[in-house]
PDB file of N, CA and C in Angstrom:
ATOM      1  N   MET A   1      88.154 105.491  93.755  1.00  0.00           N
ATOM      2  CA  MET A   1      88.292 104.055  93.818  1.00  0.00           C
ATOM      3  C   MET A   1      87.299 103.457  92.834  1.00  0.00           C
ATOM      4  N   ILE A   2      87.757 102.437  92.108  1.00  0.00           N
ATOM      5  CA  ILE A   2      86.924 101.806  91.096  1.00  0.00           C
ATOM      6  C   ILE A   2      86.850 100.311  91.356  1.00  0.00           C
ATOM      7  N   LYS A   3      85.637  99.784  91.403  1.00  0.00           N
ATOM      8  CA  LYS A   3      85.434  98.342  91.535  1.00  0.00           C
ATOM      9  C   LYS A   3      85.245  97.791  90.130  1.00  0.00           C
ATOM     10  N   LYS A   4      86.152  96.914  89.718  1.00  0.00           N
ATOM     11  CA  LYS A   4      86.072  96.314  88.391  1.00  0.00           C
ATOM     12  C   LYS A   4      85.649  94.859  88.526  1.00  0.00           C
ATOM     13  N   ASN A   5      85.443  94.186  87.393  1.00  0.00           N
ATOM     14  CA  ASN A   5      85.010  92.788  87.426  1.00  0.00           C
ATOM     15  C   ASN A   5      85.988  91.880  88.158  1.00  0.00           C
ATOM     16  N   GLU A   6      87.275  92.066  87.943  1.00  0.00           N
ATOM     17  CA  GLU A   6      88.269  91.159  88.518  1.00  0.00           C
ATOM     18  C   GLU A   6      89.186  91.822  89.527  1.00  0.00           C
ATOM     19  N   SER A   7      89.034  93.129  89.733  1.00  0.00           N
ATOM     20  CA  SER A   7      89.978  93.827  90.598  1.00  0.00           C
ATOM     21  C   SER A   7      89.367  95.097  91.178  1.00  0.00           C
ATOM     22  N   VAL A   8      90.111  95.665  92.106  1.00  0.00           N
ATOM     23  CA  VAL A   8      89.758  96.944  92.716  1.00  0.00           C
ATOM     24  C   VAL A   8      90.913  97.888  92.434  1.00  0.00           C
ATOM     25  N   GLU A   9      90.603  99.057  91.908  1.00  0.00           N
ATOM     26  CA  GLU A   9      91.633 100.064  91.644  1.00  0.00           C
ATOM     27  C   GLU A   9      91.492 101.170  92.680  1.00  0.00           C
ATOM     28  N   ILE A  10      92.576 101.418  93.394  1.00  0.00           N
ATOM     29  CA  ILE A  10      92.569 102.404  94.474  1.00  0.00           C
ATOM     30  C   ILE A  10      93.460 103.570  94.081  1.00  0.00           C
ATOM     31  N   THR A  11      92.969 104.779  94.271  1.00  0.00           N
ATOM     32  CA  THR A  11      93.800 105.966  94.128  1.00  0.00           C
ATOM     33  C   THR A  11      93.997 106.525  95.529  1.00  0.00           C
ATOM     34  N   TRP A  12      95.244 106.501  95.987  1.00  0.00           N
ATOM     35  CA  TRP A  12      95.576 106.942  97.340  1.00  0.00           C
ATOM     36  C   TRP A  12      95.625 108.468  97.401  1.00  0.00           C
ATOM     37  N   LYS A  13      95.718 109.001  98.603  1.00  0.00           N
ATOM     38  CA  LYS A  13      95.744 110.456  98.801  1.00  0.00           C
ATOM     39  C   LYS A  13      96.912 111.120  98.082  1.00  0.00           C
ATOM     40  N   ASN A  14      98.026 110.387  97.946  1.00  0.00           N
ATOM     41  CA  ASN A  14      99.204 110.966  97.295  1.00  0.00           C
ATOM     42  C   ASN A  14      99.128 110.877  95.769  1.00  0.00           C
ATOM     43  N   GLY A  15      98.009 110.347  95.238  1.00  0.00           N
ATOM     44  CA  GLY A  15      97.828 110.257  93.795  1.00  0.00           C
ATOM     45  C   GLY A  15      98.257 108.939  93.181  1.00  0.00           C
ATOM     46  N   GLU A  16      98.960 108.109  93.950  1.00  0.00           N
ATOM     47  CA  GLU A  16      99.372 106.801  93.433  1.00  0.00           C
ATOM     48  C   GLU A  16      98.149 105.910  93.254  1.00  0.00           C
ATOM     49  N   THR A  17      98.238 105.024  92.259  1.00  0.00           N
ATOM     50  CA  THR A  17      97.151 104.098  91.976  1.00  0.00           C
ATOM     51  C   THR A  17      97.641 102.676  92.178  1.00  0.00           C
ATOM     52  N   THR A  18      96.804 101.842  92.787  1.00  0.00           N
ATOM     53  CA  THR A  18      97.112 100.432  93.006  1.00  0.00           C
ATOM     54  C   THR A  18      95.955  99.602  92.468  1.00  0.00           C
ATOM     55  N   LEU A  19      96.275  98.574  91.689  1.00  0.00           N
ATOM     56  CA  LEU A  19      95.281  97.657  91.150  1.00  0.00           C
ATOM     57  C   LEU A  19      95.439  96.322  91.867  1.00  0.00           C
ATOM     58  N   LEU A  20      94.383  95.875  92.543  1.00  0.00           N
ATOM     59  CA  LEU A  20      94.441  94.654  93.345  1.00  0.00           C
ATOM     60  C   LEU A  20      93.390  93.658  92.867  1.00  0.00           C
ATOM     61  N   PRO A  21      93.804  92.454  92.463  1.00  0.00           N
ATOM     62  CA  PRO A  21      92.839  91.430  92.043  1.00  0.00           C
ATOM     63  C   PRO A  21      91.935  91.015  93.206  1.00  0.00           C
ATOM     64  N   ASN A  22      90.664  90.799  92.904  1.00  0.00           N
ATOM     65  CA  ASN A  22      89.693  90.419  93.936  1.00  0.00           C
ATOM     66  C   ASN A  22      90.099  89.145  94.669  1.00  0.00           C
ATOM     67  N   LEU A  23      90.537  88.128  93.929  1.00  0.00           N
ATOM     68  CA  LEU A  23      90.928  86.873  94.585  1.00  0.00           C
ATOM     69  C   LEU A  23      92.138  87.073  95.489  1.00  0.00           C
ATOM     70  N   TRP A  24      93.062  87.925  95.078  1.00  0.00           N
ATOM     71  CA  TRP A  24      94.231  88.216  95.917  1.00  0.00           C
ATOM     72  C   TRP A  24      93.773  88.876  97.217  1.00  0.00           C
ATOM     73  N   LEU A  25      92.856  89.820  97.099  1.00  0.00           N
ATOM     74  CA  LEU A  25      92.346  90.496  98.295  1.00  0.00           C
ATOM     75  C   LEU A  25      91.681  89.503  99.243  1.00  0.00           C
ATOM     76  N   ARG A  26      90.823  88.646  98.690  1.00  0.00           N
ATOM     77  CA  ARG A  26      90.127  87.673  99.552  1.00  0.00           C
ATOM     78  C   ARG A  26      91.115  86.702 100.178  1.00  0.00           C
ATOM     79  N   ASP A  27      92.094  86.261  99.401  1.00  0.00           N
ATOM     80  CA  ASP A  27      93.086  85.299  99.883  1.00  0.00           C
ATOM     81  C   ASP A  27      93.981  85.892 100.963  1.00  0.00           C
ATOM     82  N   ASN A  28      94.167  87.195 100.953  1.00  0.00           N
ATOM     83  CA  ASN A  28      95.081  87.839 101.891  1.00  0.00           C
ATOM     84  C   ASN A  28      94.390  88.538 103.051  1.00  0.00           C
ATOM     85  N   CYS A  29      93.127  88.241 103.261  1.00  0.00           N
ATOM     86  CA  CYS A  29      92.439  88.791 104.430  1.00  0.00           C
ATOM     87  C   CYS A  29      93.120  88.242 105.685  1.00  0.00           C
ATOM     88  N   ALA A  30      93.440  89.140 106.612  1.00  0.00           N
ATOM     89  CA  ALA A  30      94.182  88.733 107.811  1.00  0.00           C
ATOM     90  C   ALA A  30      93.327  88.766 109.075  1.00  0.00           C
ATOM     91  N   CYS A  31      92.009  88.758 108.920  1.00  0.00           N
ATOM     92  CA  CYS A  31      91.145  88.820 110.104  1.00  0.00           C
ATOM     93  C   CYS A  31      91.196  87.504 110.886  1.00  0.00           C
ATOM     94  N   ASP A  32      90.636  87.516 112.091  1.00  0.00           N
ATOM     95  CA  ASP A  32      90.645  86.337 112.966  1.00  0.00           C
ATOM     96  C   ASP A  32      89.837  85.172 112.404  1.00  0.00           C
ATOM     97  N   VAL A  33      88.873  85.446 111.538  1.00  0.00           N
ATOM     98  CA  VAL A  33      88.073  84.383 110.928  1.00  0.00           C
ATOM     99  C   VAL A  33      88.876  83.678 109.831  1.00  0.00           C
ATOM    100  N   CYS A  34      89.720  84.429 109.142  1.00  0.00           N
ATOM    101  CA  CYS A  34      90.474  83.884 108.003  1.00  0.00           C
ATOM    102  C   CYS A  34      91.852  83.348 108.381  1.00  0.00           C
ATOM    103  N   ARG A  35      92.409  83.825 109.483  1.00  0.00           N
ATOM    104  CA  ARG A  35      93.768  83.434 109.878  1.00  0.00           C
ATOM    105  C   ARG A  35      93.803  83.006 111.338  1.00  0.00           C
ATOM    106  N   ASN A  36      94.637  82.019 111.622  1.00  0.00           N
ATOM    107  CA  ASN A  36      94.907  81.629 113.000  1.00  0.00           C
ATOM    108  C   ASN A  36      95.711  82.764 113.632  1.00  0.00           C
ATOM    109  N   THR A  37      95.247  83.289 114.749  1.00  0.00           N
ATOM    110  CA  THR A  37      95.901  84.451 115.351  1.00  0.00           C
ATOM    111  C   THR A  37      97.300  84.149 115.873  1.00  0.00           C
ATOM    112  N   GLN A  38      97.578  82.893 116.204  1.00  0.00           N
ATOM    113  CA  GLN A  38      98.904  82.547 116.728  1.00  0.00           C
ATOM    114  C   GLN A  38      99.906  82.234 115.623  1.00  0.00           C
ATOM    115  N   THR A  39      99.449  81.581 114.567  1.00  0.00           N
ATOM    116  CA  THR A  39     100.381  81.139 113.522  1.00  0.00           C
ATOM    117  C   THR A  39     100.220  81.883 112.206  1.00  0.00           C
ATOM    118  N   THR A  40      99.179  82.668 112.052  1.00  0.00           N
ATOM    119  CA  THR A  40      98.767  83.353 110.824  1.00  0.00           C
ATOM    120  C   THR A  40      98.451  82.385 109.676  1.00  0.00           C
ATOM    121  N   GLU A  41      98.274  81.101 110.018  1.00  0.00           N
ATOM    122  CA  GLU A  41      97.900  80.102 109.018  1.00  0.00           C
ATOM    123  C   GLU A  41      96.511  80.431 108.475  1.00  0.00           C
ATOM    124  N   LYS A  42      96.364  80.303 107.158  1.00  0.00           N
ATOM    125  CA  LYS A  42      95.074  80.563 106.533  1.00  0.00           C
ATOM    126  C   LYS A  42      94.092  79.467 106.922  1.00  0.00           C
ATOM    127  N   LEU A  43      92.865  79.841 107.268  1.00  0.00           N
ATOM    128  CA  LEU A  43      91.873  78.895 107.759  1.00  0.00           C
ATOM    129  C   LEU A  43      90.834  78.508 106.708  1.00  0.00           C
ATOM    130  N   PHE A  44      91.030  78.933 105.471  1.00  0.00           N
ATOM    131  CA  PHE A  44      90.125  78.539 104.396  1.00  0.00           C
ATOM    132  C   PHE A  44      90.950  78.278 103.142  1.00  0.00           C
ATOM    133  N   GLN A  45      90.363  77.573 102.202  1.00  0.00           N
ATOM    134  CA  GLN A  45      91.044  77.266 100.947  1.00  0.00           C
ATOM    135  C   GLN A  45      90.514  78.191  99.855  1.00  0.00           C
ATOM    136  N   LEU A  46      91.407  78.812  99.132  1.00  0.00           N
ATOM    137  CA  LEU A  46      90.997  79.708  98.059  1.00  0.00           C
ATOM    138  C   LEU A  46      90.211  78.958  96.984  1.00  0.00           C
ATOM    139  N   ALA A  47      90.456  77.664  96.857  1.00  0.00           N
ATOM    140  CA  ALA A  47      89.721  76.859  95.873  1.00  0.00           C
ATOM    141  C   ALA A  47      88.225  76.818  96.184  1.00  0.00           C
ATOM    142  N   GLN A  48      87.850  77.144  97.412  1.00  0.00           N
ATOM    143  CA  GLN A  48      86.440  77.166  97.801  1.00  0.00           C
ATOM    144  C   GLN A  48      85.757  78.482  97.431  1.00  0.00           C
ATOM    145  N   VAL A  49      86.537  79.437  96.941  1.00  0.00           N
ATOM    146  CA  VAL A  49      86.010  80.762  96.617  1.00  0.00           C
ATOM    147  C   VAL A  49      85.689  80.817  95.121  1.00  0.00           C
ATOM    148  N   ASP A  50      84.572  81.425  94.777  1.00  0.00           N
ATOM    149  CA  ASP A  50      84.174  81.599  93.382  1.00  0.00           C
ATOM    150  C   ASP A  50      85.229  82.421  92.644  1.00  0.00           C
ATOM    151  N   VAL A  51      85.684  81.934  91.498  1.00  0.00           N
ATOM    152  CA  VAL A  51      86.726  82.640  90.746  1.00  0.00           C
ATOM    153  C   VAL A  51      86.238  83.987  90.222  1.00  0.00           C
ATOM    154  N   ASN A  52      84.942  84.176  90.135  1.00  0.00           N
ATOM    155  CA  ASN A  52      84.369  85.444  89.677  1.00  0.00           C
ATOM    156  C   ASN A  52      83.972  86.345  90.846  1.00  0.00           C
ATOM    157  N   LEU A  53      84.575  86.117  91.993  1.00  0.00           N
ATOM    158  CA  LEU A  53      84.271  86.863  93.210  1.00  0.00           C
ATOM    159  C   LEU A  53      84.452  88.362  92.996  1.00  0.00           C
ATOM    160  N   MET A  54      83.470  89.118  93.438  1.00  0.00           N
ATOM    161  CA  MET A  54      83.542  90.582  93.433  1.00  0.00           C
ATOM    162  C   MET A  54      83.041  91.084  94.779  1.00  0.00           C
ATOM    163  N   PRO A  55      83.702  92.080  95.358  1.00  0.00           N
ATOM    164  CA  PRO A  55      83.188  92.631  96.609  1.00  0.00           C
ATOM    165  C   PRO A  55      81.866  93.358  96.376  1.00  0.00           C
ATOM    166  N   GLU A  56      80.993  93.282  97.371  1.00  0.00           N
ATOM    167  CA  GLU A  56      79.716  94.010  97.304  1.00  0.00           C
ATOM    168  C   GLU A  56      79.962  95.508  97.437  1.00  0.00           C
ATOM    169  N   THR A  57      80.795  95.867  98.421  1.00  0.00           N
ATOM    170  CA  THR A  57      81.135  97.277  98.630  1.00  0.00           C
ATOM    171  C   THR A  57      82.636  97.406  98.819  1.00  0.00           C
ATOM    172  N   VAL A  58      83.152  98.550  98.405  1.00  0.00           N
ATOM    173  CA  VAL A  58      84.569  98.882  98.555  1.00  0.00           C
ATOM    174  C   VAL A  58      84.630 100.308  99.083  1.00  0.00           C
ATOM    175  N   ASP A  59      85.300 100.505 100.210  1.00  0.00           N
ATOM    176  CA  ASP A  59      85.423 101.840 100.790  1.00  0.00           C
ATOM    177  C   ASP A  59      86.860 102.080 101.219  1.00  0.00           C
ATOM    178  N   LEU A  60      87.335 103.278 100.977  1.00  0.00           N
ATOM    179  CA  LEU A  60      88.638 103.706 101.471  1.00  0.00           C
ATOM    180  C   LEU A  60      88.365 104.686 102.600  1.00  0.00           C
ATOM    181  N   ILE A  61      88.621 104.249 103.831  1.00  0.00           N
ATOM    182  CA  ILE A  61      88.360 105.059 105.016  1.00  0.00           C
ATOM    183  C   ILE A  61      89.700 105.357 105.669  1.00  0.00           C
ATOM    184  N   GLU A  62      90.020 106.659 105.710  1.00  0.00           N
ATOM    185  CA  GLU A  62      91.346 107.084 106.154  1.00  0.00           C
ATOM    186  C   GLU A  62      92.377 106.384 105.273  1.00  0.00           C
ATOM    187  N   ASP A  63      93.209 105.533 105.851  1.00  0.00           N
ATOM    188  CA  ASP A  63      94.219 104.813 105.063  1.00  0.00           C
ATOM    189  C   ASP A  63      93.951 103.311 105.113  1.00  0.00           C
ATOM    190  N   GLU A  64      92.671 102.936 105.171  1.00  0.00           N
ATOM    191  CA  GLU A  64      92.303 101.523 105.212  1.00  0.00           C
ATOM    192  C   GLU A  64      91.312 101.210 104.098  1.00  0.00           C
ATOM    193  N   LEU A  65      91.515 100.056 103.478  1.00  0.00           N
ATOM    194  CA  LEU A  65      90.602  99.564 102.459  1.00  0.00           C
ATOM    195  C   LEU A  65      89.623  98.608 103.129  1.00  0.00           C
ATOM    196  N   HIS A  66      88.329  98.898 103.033  1.00  0.00           N
ATOM    197  CA  HIS A  66      87.274  98.082 103.637  1.00  0.00           C
ATOM    198  C   HIS A  66      86.472  97.427 102.524  1.00  0.00           C
ATOM    199  N   LEU A  67      86.332  96.099 102.594  1.00  0.00           N
ATOM    200  CA  LEU A  67      85.570  95.354 101.594  1.00  0.00           C
ATOM    201  C   LEU A  67      84.495  94.525 102.275  1.00  0.00           C
ATOM    202  N   LEU A  68      83.339  94.455 101.644  1.00  0.00           N
ATOM    203  CA  LEU A  68      82.270  93.564 102.072  1.00  0.00           C
ATOM    204  C   LEU A  68      82.071  92.562 100.947  1.00  0.00           C
ATOM    205  N   TRP A  69      82.211  91.275 101.267  1.00  0.00           N
ATOM    206  CA  TRP A  69      82.101  90.207 100.275  1.00  0.00           C
ATOM    207  C   TRP A  69      80.669  89.689 100.210  1.00  0.00           C
ATOM    208  N   PRO A  70      80.293  89.024  99.107  1.00  0.00           N
ATOM    209  CA  PRO A  70      78.914  88.534  98.939  1.00  0.00           C
ATOM    210  C   PRO A  70      78.428  87.618 100.067  1.00  0.00           C
ATOM    211  N   ASP A  71      79.335  86.893 100.715  1.00  0.00           N
ATOM    212  CA  ASP A  71      78.922  85.992 101.805  1.00  0.00           C
ATOM    213  C   ASP A  71      78.786  86.715 103.147  1.00  0.00           C
ATOM    214  N   GLY A  72      78.938  88.053 103.145  1.00  0.00           N
ATOM    215  CA  GLY A  72      78.816  88.838 104.366  1.00  0.00           C
ATOM    216  C   GLY A  72      80.128  89.055 105.094  1.00  0.00           C
ATOM    217  N   HIS A  73      81.195  88.418 104.641  1.00  0.00           N
ATOM    218  CA  HIS A  73      82.498  88.577 105.284  1.00  0.00           C
ATOM    219  C   HIS A  73      83.035  89.987 105.023  1.00  0.00           C
ATOM    220  N   ARG A  74      83.677  90.557 106.023  1.00  0.00           N
ATOM    221  CA  ARG A  74      84.282  91.887 105.899  1.00  0.00           C
ATOM    222  C   ARG A  74      85.796  91.763 106.024  1.00  0.00           C
ATOM    223  N   SER A  75      86.495  92.442 105.125  1.00  0.00           N
ATOM    224  CA  SER A  75      87.959  92.472 105.146  1.00  0.00           C
ATOM    225  C   SER A  75      88.415  93.914 105.268  1.00  0.00           C
ATOM    226  N   VAL A  76      89.464  94.122 106.053  1.00  0.00           N
ATOM    227  CA  VAL A  76      90.062  95.445 106.212  1.00  0.00           C
ATOM    228  C   VAL A  76      91.558  95.298 105.979  1.00  0.00           C
ATOM    229  N   TYR A  77      92.101  96.151 105.122  1.00  0.00           N
ATOM    230  CA  TYR A  77      93.523  96.108 104.786  1.00  0.00           C
ATOM    231  C   TYR A  77      94.126  97.478 105.068  1.00  0.00           C
ATOM    232  N   GLU A  78      95.260  97.499 105.735  1.00  0.00           N
ATOM    233  CA  GLU A  78      95.964  98.756 105.980  1.00  0.00           C
ATOM    234  C   GLU A  78      96.611  99.213 104.683  1.00  0.00           C
ATOM    235  N   GLY A  79      96.436 100.470 104.373  1.00  0.00           N
ATOM    236  CA  GLY A  79      96.994 101.009 103.143  1.00  0.00           C
ATOM    237  C   GLY A  79      98.502 100.864 103.071  1.00  0.00           C
ATOM    238  N   SER A  80      99.186 101.088 104.179  1.00  0.00           N
ATOM    239  CA  SER A  80     100.649 100.986 104.178  1.00  0.00           C
ATOM    240  C   SER A  80     101.096  99.566 103.851  1.00  0.00           C
ATOM    241  N   ALA A  81     100.355  98.574 104.338  1.00  0.00           N
ATOM    242  CA  ALA A  81     100.706  97.177 104.057  1.00  0.00           C
ATOM    243  C   ALA A  81     100.484  96.850 102.584  1.00  0.00           C
ATOM    244  N   ILE A  82      99.393  97.336 102.017  1.00  0.00           N
ATOM    245  CA  ILE A  82      99.127  97.096 100.594  1.00  0.00           C
ATOM    246  C   ILE A  82     100.195  97.752  99.738  1.00  0.00           C
ATOM    247  N   ARG A  83     100.518  99.001 100.037  1.00  0.00           N
ATOM    248  CA  ARG A  83     101.532  99.709  99.236  1.00  0.00           C
ATOM    249  C   ARG A  83     102.897  99.045  99.360  1.00  0.00           C
ATOM    250  N   ALA A  84     103.202  98.469 100.511  1.00  0.00           N
ATOM    251  CA  ALA A  84     104.492  97.792 100.701  1.00  0.00           C
ATOM    252  C   ALA A  84     104.589  96.526  99.859  1.00  0.00           C
ATOM    253  N   LEU A  85     103.455  95.901  99.558  1.00  0.00           N
ATOM    254  CA  LEU A  85     103.449  94.651  98.797  1.00  0.00           C
ATOM    255  C   LEU A  85     103.359  94.846  97.293  1.00  0.00           C
ATOM    256  N   THR A  86     102.943  96.009  96.857  1.00  0.00           N
ATOM    257  CA  THR A  86     102.725  96.199  95.431  1.00  0.00           C
ATOM    258  C   THR A  86     104.023  96.542  94.715  1.00  0.00           C
ATOM    259  N   ILE A  87     104.074  96.138  93.473  1.00  0.00           N
ATOM    260  CA  ILE A  87     105.248  96.375  92.637  1.00  0.00           C
ATOM    261  C   ILE A  87     105.117  97.758  92.012  1.00  0.00           C
ATOM    262  N   PRO A  88     106.160  98.573  92.091  1.00  0.00           N
ATOM    263  CA  PRO A  88     106.081  99.894  91.467  1.00  0.00           C
ATOM    264  C   PRO A  88     105.811  99.763  89.966  1.00  0.00           C
ATOM    265  N   GLN A  89     105.010 100.671  89.436  1.00  0.00           N
ATOM    266  CA  GLN A  89     104.673 100.635  88.019  1.00  0.00           C
ATOM    267  C   GLN A  89     105.828 101.106  87.139  1.00  0.00           C
ATOM    268  N   THR A  90     106.752 101.830  87.719  1.00  0.00           N
ATOM    269  CA  THR A  90     107.890 102.300  86.935  1.00  0.00           C
ATOM    270  C   THR A  90     109.092 101.408  87.200  1.00  0.00           C
ATOM    271  N   THR A  91     109.808 101.114  86.163  1.00  0.00           N
ATOM    272  CA  THR A  91     111.037 100.342  86.309  1.00  0.00           C
ATOM    273  C   THR A  91     112.204 101.247  85.955  1.00  0.00           C
ATOM    274  N   HIS A  92     113.268 101.062  86.658  1.00  0.00           N
ATOM    275  CA  HIS A  92     114.455 101.864  86.417  1.00  0.00           C
ATOM    276  C   HIS A  92     115.441 101.016  85.620  1.00  0.00           C
ATOM    277  N   LEU A  93     115.553 101.334  84.354  1.00  0.00           N
ATOM    278  CA  LEU A  93     116.452 100.585  83.494  1.00  0.00           C
ATOM    279  C   LEU A  93     117.866 101.115  83.631  1.00  0.00           C
ATOM    280  N   ARG A  94     118.803 100.211  83.638  1.00  0.00           N
ATOM    281  CA  ARG A  94     120.205 100.601  83.636  1.00  0.00           C
ATOM    282  C   ARG A  94     120.837  99.919  82.435  1.00  0.00           C
ATOM    283  N   LEU A  95     121.168 100.700  81.451  1.00  0.00           N
ATOM    284  CA  LEU A  95     121.742 100.148  80.233  1.00  0.00           C
ATOM    285  C   LEU A  95     123.214  99.828  80.444  1.00  0.00           C
ATOM    286  N   TRP A  96     123.645  98.752  79.808  1.00  0.00           N
ATOM    287  CA  TRP A  96     125.051  98.387  79.863  1.00  0.00           C
ATOM    288  C   TRP A  96     125.811  99.164  78.798  1.00  0.00           C
ATOM    289  N   SER A  97     127.016  99.534  79.146  1.00  0.00           N
ATOM    290  CA  SER A  97     127.862 100.193  78.148  1.00  0.00           C
ATOM    291  C   SER A  97     128.498  99.119  77.270  1.00  0.00           C
ATOM    292  N   SER A  98     129.102  99.536  76.191  1.00  0.00           N
ATOM    293  CA  SER A  98     129.726  98.571  75.270  1.00  0.00           C
ATOM    294  C   SER A  98     130.942  97.898  75.907  1.00  0.00           C
ATOM    295  N   GLU A  99     131.451  98.452  76.999  1.00  0.00           N
ATOM    296  CA  GLU A  99     132.602  97.859  77.674  1.00  0.00           C
ATOM    297  C   GLU A  99     132.205  96.734  78.628  1.00  0.00           C
ATOM    298  N   PHE A 100     130.942  96.571  78.900  1.00  0.00           N
ATOM    299  CA  PHE A 100     130.505  95.562  79.858  1.00  0.00           C
ATOM    300  C   PHE A 100     130.755  94.161  79.312  1.00  0.00           C
ATOM    301  N   ARG A 101     131.409  93.348  80.117  1.00  0.00           N
ATOM    302  CA  ARG A 101     131.633  91.942  79.774  1.00  0.00           C
ATOM    303  C   ARG A 101     131.276  91.114  80.999  1.00  0.00           C
ATOM    304  N   PRO A 102     130.294  90.218  80.882  1.00  0.00           N
ATOM    305  CA  PRO A 102     129.960  89.381  82.031  1.00  0.00           C
ATOM    306  C   PRO A 102     131.144  88.514  82.428  1.00  0.00           C
ATOM    307  N   GLN A 103     131.281  88.288  83.711  1.00  0.00           N
ATOM    308  CA  GLN A 103     132.358  87.448  84.206  1.00  0.00           C
ATOM    309  C   GLN A 103     132.144  86.024  83.708  1.00  0.00           C
ATOM    310  N   GLN A 104     133.211  85.376  83.289  1.00  0.00           N
ATOM    311  CA  GLN A 104     133.103  84.013  82.776  1.00  0.00           C
ATOM    312  C   GLN A 104     133.694  83.037  83.777  1.00  0.00           C
ATOM    313  N   PHE A 105     133.088  81.864  83.835  1.00  0.00           N
ATOM    314  CA  PHE A 105     133.525  80.823  84.751  1.00  0.00           C
ATOM    315  C   PHE A 105     133.732  79.533  83.980  1.00  0.00           C
ATOM    316  N   ASP A 106     134.700  78.753  84.421  1.00  0.00           N
ATOM    317  CA  ASP A 106     134.898  77.420  83.858  1.00  0.00           C
ATOM    318  C   ASP A 106     134.115  76.461  84.744  1.00  0.00           C
ATOM    319  N   TYR A 107     132.930  76.087  84.288  1.00  0.00           N
ATOM    320  CA  TYR A 107     132.059  75.245  85.100  1.00  0.00           C
ATOM    321  C   TYR A 107     132.587  73.826  85.229  1.00  0.00           C
ATOM    322  N   GLY A 108     133.528  73.443  84.399  1.00  0.00           N
ATOM    323  CA  GLY A 108     134.138  72.125  84.513  1.00  0.00           C
ATOM    324  C   GLY A 108     134.972  71.988  85.779  1.00  0.00           C
ATOM    325  N   LYS A 109     135.381  73.107  86.373  1.00  0.00           N
ATOM    326  CA  LYS A 109     136.187  73.079  87.594  1.00  0.00           C
ATOM    327  C   LYS A 109     135.346  72.906  88.851  1.00  0.00           C
ATOM    328  N   PHE A 110     134.041  72.948  88.723  1.00  0.00           N
ATOM    329  CA  PHE A 110     133.184  72.807  89.903  1.00  0.00           C
ATOM    330  C   PHE A 110     133.020  71.379  90.281  1.00  0.00           C
TER     331      PHE A 110
END
């Protein structure tokens, strides 16, 4: 795991790597201090957070990401939840053949 100026890079047990921006991590903390437990409404404004925010410590314990922020706040993220939200680094391209013709519509009929 690497703590960078603007992000945290995690290498999971299966070898996959995830890059997470620090502000995204802070904004998505789901603890009881940051979120209303009944509505999951965020209880703080991201605009109040320093844009150069960096975690003091970053630990990967089992399948959980643990962060300690400069103000003493602690965030814990489940690895499965983070992986479910991240965009795969590989894209699967499907090339069109020369026979492909997009369907045409007469928009004047709408």
